[in-house]
N, C-alpha and C. Protein backbone atom coordinates (compact mmCIF):
# COMPACT_ATOMS: atom_id res chain seq x y z
N GLU A 1 6.08 4.33 -6.52
CA GLU A 1 6.66 3.49 -5.54
C GLU A 1 5.59 2.88 -4.65
N LYS A 2 5.89 1.70 -4.10
CA LYS A 2 5.03 1.12 -3.11
C LYS A 2 5.13 1.94 -1.83
N VAL A 3 4.07 1.99 -1.09
CA VAL A 3 4.04 2.69 0.17
C VAL A 3 4.10 1.69 1.30
N GLN A 4 5.08 1.81 2.17
CA GLN A 4 5.23 0.89 3.30
C GLN A 4 5.42 1.70 4.59
N ILE A 5 4.52 1.50 5.54
CA ILE A 5 4.58 2.17 6.83
C ILE A 5 4.94 1.11 7.88
N PRO A 6 6.16 1.16 8.45
CA PRO A 6 6.54 0.12 9.41
C PRO A 6 5.88 0.30 10.76
N ILE A 7 5.94 -0.72 11.55
CA ILE A 7 5.32 -0.76 12.89
C ILE A 7 5.92 0.32 13.78
N THR A 8 7.11 0.77 13.49
CA THR A 8 7.77 1.78 14.32
C THR A 8 7.30 3.24 14.04
N LYS A 9 6.34 3.40 13.13
CA LYS A 9 5.84 4.73 12.76
C LYS A 9 4.33 4.84 13.02
N PRO A 10 3.91 4.92 14.30
CA PRO A 10 2.47 5.06 14.58
C PRO A 10 1.99 6.50 14.29
N TYR A 11 0.68 6.64 14.29
CA TYR A 11 0.03 7.96 14.12
C TYR A 11 0.31 8.58 12.76
N ILE A 12 0.17 7.82 11.70
CA ILE A 12 0.35 8.32 10.35
C ILE A 12 -1.04 8.54 9.74
N SER A 13 -1.24 9.68 9.06
CA SER A 13 -2.48 9.98 8.35
C SER A 13 -2.18 10.27 6.90
N PHE A 14 -3.02 9.73 6.02
CA PHE A 14 -3.03 10.08 4.61
C PHE A 14 -4.26 10.92 4.37
N ILE A 15 -4.14 12.14 3.92
CA ILE A 15 -5.27 13.01 3.69
C ILE A 15 -5.24 13.43 2.21
N GLY A 16 -6.25 12.95 1.48
CA GLY A 16 -6.32 13.23 0.04
C GLY A 16 -7.33 14.34 -0.25
N ASN A 17 -7.44 14.67 -1.54
CA ASN A 17 -8.34 15.70 -2.02
C ASN A 17 -9.68 15.13 -2.47
N GLY A 18 -9.94 13.88 -2.16
CA GLY A 18 -11.18 13.22 -2.57
C GLY A 18 -10.84 11.87 -3.17
N SER A 19 -11.71 10.88 -2.92
CA SER A 19 -11.42 9.53 -3.38
C SER A 19 -11.32 9.38 -4.89
N GLY A 20 -11.94 10.27 -5.66
CA GLY A 20 -11.81 10.25 -7.10
C GLY A 20 -10.63 11.01 -7.65
N GLU A 21 -9.98 11.77 -6.76
CA GLU A 21 -8.88 12.63 -7.19
C GLU A 21 -7.52 12.15 -6.69
N THR A 22 -7.47 11.59 -5.49
CA THR A 22 -6.21 11.15 -4.87
C THR A 22 -6.22 9.63 -4.89
N ILE A 23 -5.33 9.02 -5.68
CA ILE A 23 -5.32 7.58 -5.84
C ILE A 23 -3.87 7.08 -5.73
N ILE A 24 -3.67 6.06 -4.90
CA ILE A 24 -2.41 5.39 -4.80
C ILE A 24 -2.56 4.04 -5.44
N SER A 25 -1.72 3.76 -6.47
CA SER A 25 -1.87 2.50 -7.15
C SER A 25 -0.48 1.90 -7.45
N TRP A 26 -0.46 0.62 -7.66
CA TRP A 26 0.79 -0.11 -7.98
C TRP A 26 0.41 -1.21 -8.93
N ASN A 27 1.29 -1.54 -9.83
CA ASN A 27 0.96 -2.50 -10.88
C ASN A 27 1.61 -3.86 -10.65
N SER A 28 1.35 -4.48 -9.48
CA SER A 28 1.85 -5.82 -9.22
C SER A 28 0.67 -6.79 -9.18
N THR A 29 0.97 -8.04 -9.46
CA THR A 29 -0.03 -9.08 -9.31
C THR A 29 0.57 -10.22 -8.48
N ALA A 30 -0.28 -11.03 -7.89
CA ALA A 30 0.17 -12.13 -7.06
C ALA A 30 0.99 -13.12 -7.87
N SER A 31 0.74 -13.23 -9.15
CA SER A 31 1.49 -14.19 -9.99
C SER A 31 2.84 -13.65 -10.48
N GLU A 32 3.10 -12.38 -10.25
CA GLU A 32 4.42 -11.80 -10.65
C GLU A 32 5.54 -12.58 -9.98
N LYS A 33 6.61 -12.79 -10.69
CA LYS A 33 7.76 -13.57 -10.16
C LYS A 33 8.67 -12.66 -9.30
N GLY A 34 9.09 -13.18 -8.18
CA GLY A 34 10.04 -12.49 -7.31
C GLY A 34 11.45 -12.81 -7.71
N SER A 35 12.43 -12.35 -6.94
CA SER A 35 13.85 -12.57 -7.28
C SER A 35 14.23 -14.06 -7.25
N ASP A 36 13.45 -14.87 -6.54
CA ASP A 36 13.72 -16.30 -6.50
C ASP A 36 13.01 -17.08 -7.60
N GLY A 37 12.28 -16.35 -8.47
CA GLY A 37 11.57 -17.00 -9.57
C GLY A 37 10.19 -17.51 -9.21
N GLN A 38 9.81 -17.39 -7.95
CA GLN A 38 8.50 -17.85 -7.49
C GLN A 38 7.51 -16.68 -7.47
N PRO A 39 6.20 -16.99 -7.58
CA PRO A 39 5.19 -15.93 -7.51
C PRO A 39 5.29 -15.19 -6.19
N ILE A 40 5.12 -13.86 -6.22
CA ILE A 40 5.25 -13.04 -4.98
C ILE A 40 4.04 -13.17 -4.06
N GLY A 41 2.91 -13.60 -4.56
CA GLY A 41 1.74 -13.78 -3.74
C GLY A 41 1.02 -12.47 -3.45
N THR A 42 -0.13 -12.56 -2.77
CA THR A 42 -0.95 -11.39 -2.54
C THR A 42 -0.33 -10.41 -1.56
N ILE A 43 0.39 -10.89 -0.57
CA ILE A 43 0.94 -10.00 0.46
C ILE A 43 1.99 -9.05 -0.14
N LEU A 44 2.86 -9.56 -0.97
CA LEU A 44 3.93 -8.73 -1.55
C LEU A 44 3.48 -7.92 -2.78
N SER A 45 2.26 -8.18 -3.26
CA SER A 45 1.79 -7.40 -4.41
C SER A 45 0.97 -6.18 -4.02
N ALA A 46 0.84 -5.95 -2.73
CA ALA A 46 0.02 -4.82 -2.26
C ALA A 46 0.59 -3.45 -2.67
N SER A 47 -0.30 -2.52 -2.93
CA SER A 47 0.12 -1.16 -3.24
C SER A 47 0.61 -0.44 -2.00
N VAL A 48 -0.06 -0.72 -0.86
CA VAL A 48 0.21 -0.06 0.40
C VAL A 48 0.27 -1.12 1.50
N ALA A 49 1.27 -1.06 2.34
CA ALA A 49 1.39 -1.94 3.50
C ALA A 49 1.55 -1.11 4.75
N ILE A 50 0.57 -1.20 5.65
CA ILE A 50 0.60 -0.42 6.90
C ILE A 50 0.68 -1.40 8.04
N GLU A 51 1.79 -1.37 8.79
CA GLU A 51 1.98 -2.25 9.92
C GLU A 51 1.84 -1.51 11.25
N SER A 52 1.81 -0.18 11.19
CA SER A 52 1.80 0.61 12.41
C SER A 52 0.38 0.76 12.97
N ASP A 53 0.30 1.15 14.22
CA ASP A 53 -0.94 1.43 14.90
C ASP A 53 -1.39 2.86 14.60
N TYR A 54 -2.68 3.07 14.72
CA TYR A 54 -3.32 4.38 14.64
C TYR A 54 -3.14 5.05 13.28
N PHE A 55 -3.30 4.24 12.22
CA PHE A 55 -3.27 4.74 10.85
C PHE A 55 -4.66 5.27 10.47
N CYS A 56 -4.70 6.38 9.76
CA CYS A 56 -5.96 6.96 9.31
C CYS A 56 -5.80 7.44 7.88
N ALA A 57 -6.81 7.16 7.05
CA ALA A 57 -6.80 7.64 5.67
C ALA A 57 -8.18 8.23 5.37
N THR A 58 -8.21 9.39 4.73
CA THR A 58 -9.47 10.01 4.35
C THR A 58 -9.30 10.69 2.98
N GLY A 59 -10.34 10.63 2.18
CA GLY A 59 -10.33 11.30 0.88
C GLY A 59 -9.31 10.71 -0.09
N ILE A 60 -9.11 9.38 -0.04
CA ILE A 60 -8.08 8.75 -0.86
C ILE A 60 -8.58 7.35 -1.30
N THR A 61 -8.12 6.95 -2.45
CA THR A 61 -8.43 5.61 -2.95
C THR A 61 -7.13 4.81 -3.04
N PHE A 62 -7.18 3.54 -2.60
CA PHE A 62 -6.06 2.63 -2.73
C PHE A 62 -6.42 1.58 -3.79
N GLU A 63 -5.56 1.43 -4.79
CA GLU A 63 -5.79 0.44 -5.85
C GLU A 63 -4.71 -0.62 -5.83
């Protein structure tokens, strides 16, 4: 699943077991078609979307 942290959820931390061991990935591309038949673009193809303040990630890779 895509990971989305809304602006209403501050102070979130992702703590992994190491950047080579903990990986969050998603298989979307900017050219993928959305429900309207148009390309979704880079913003909607992201694996992780963090809108909140005070986000911290350590020991993790985002693909």
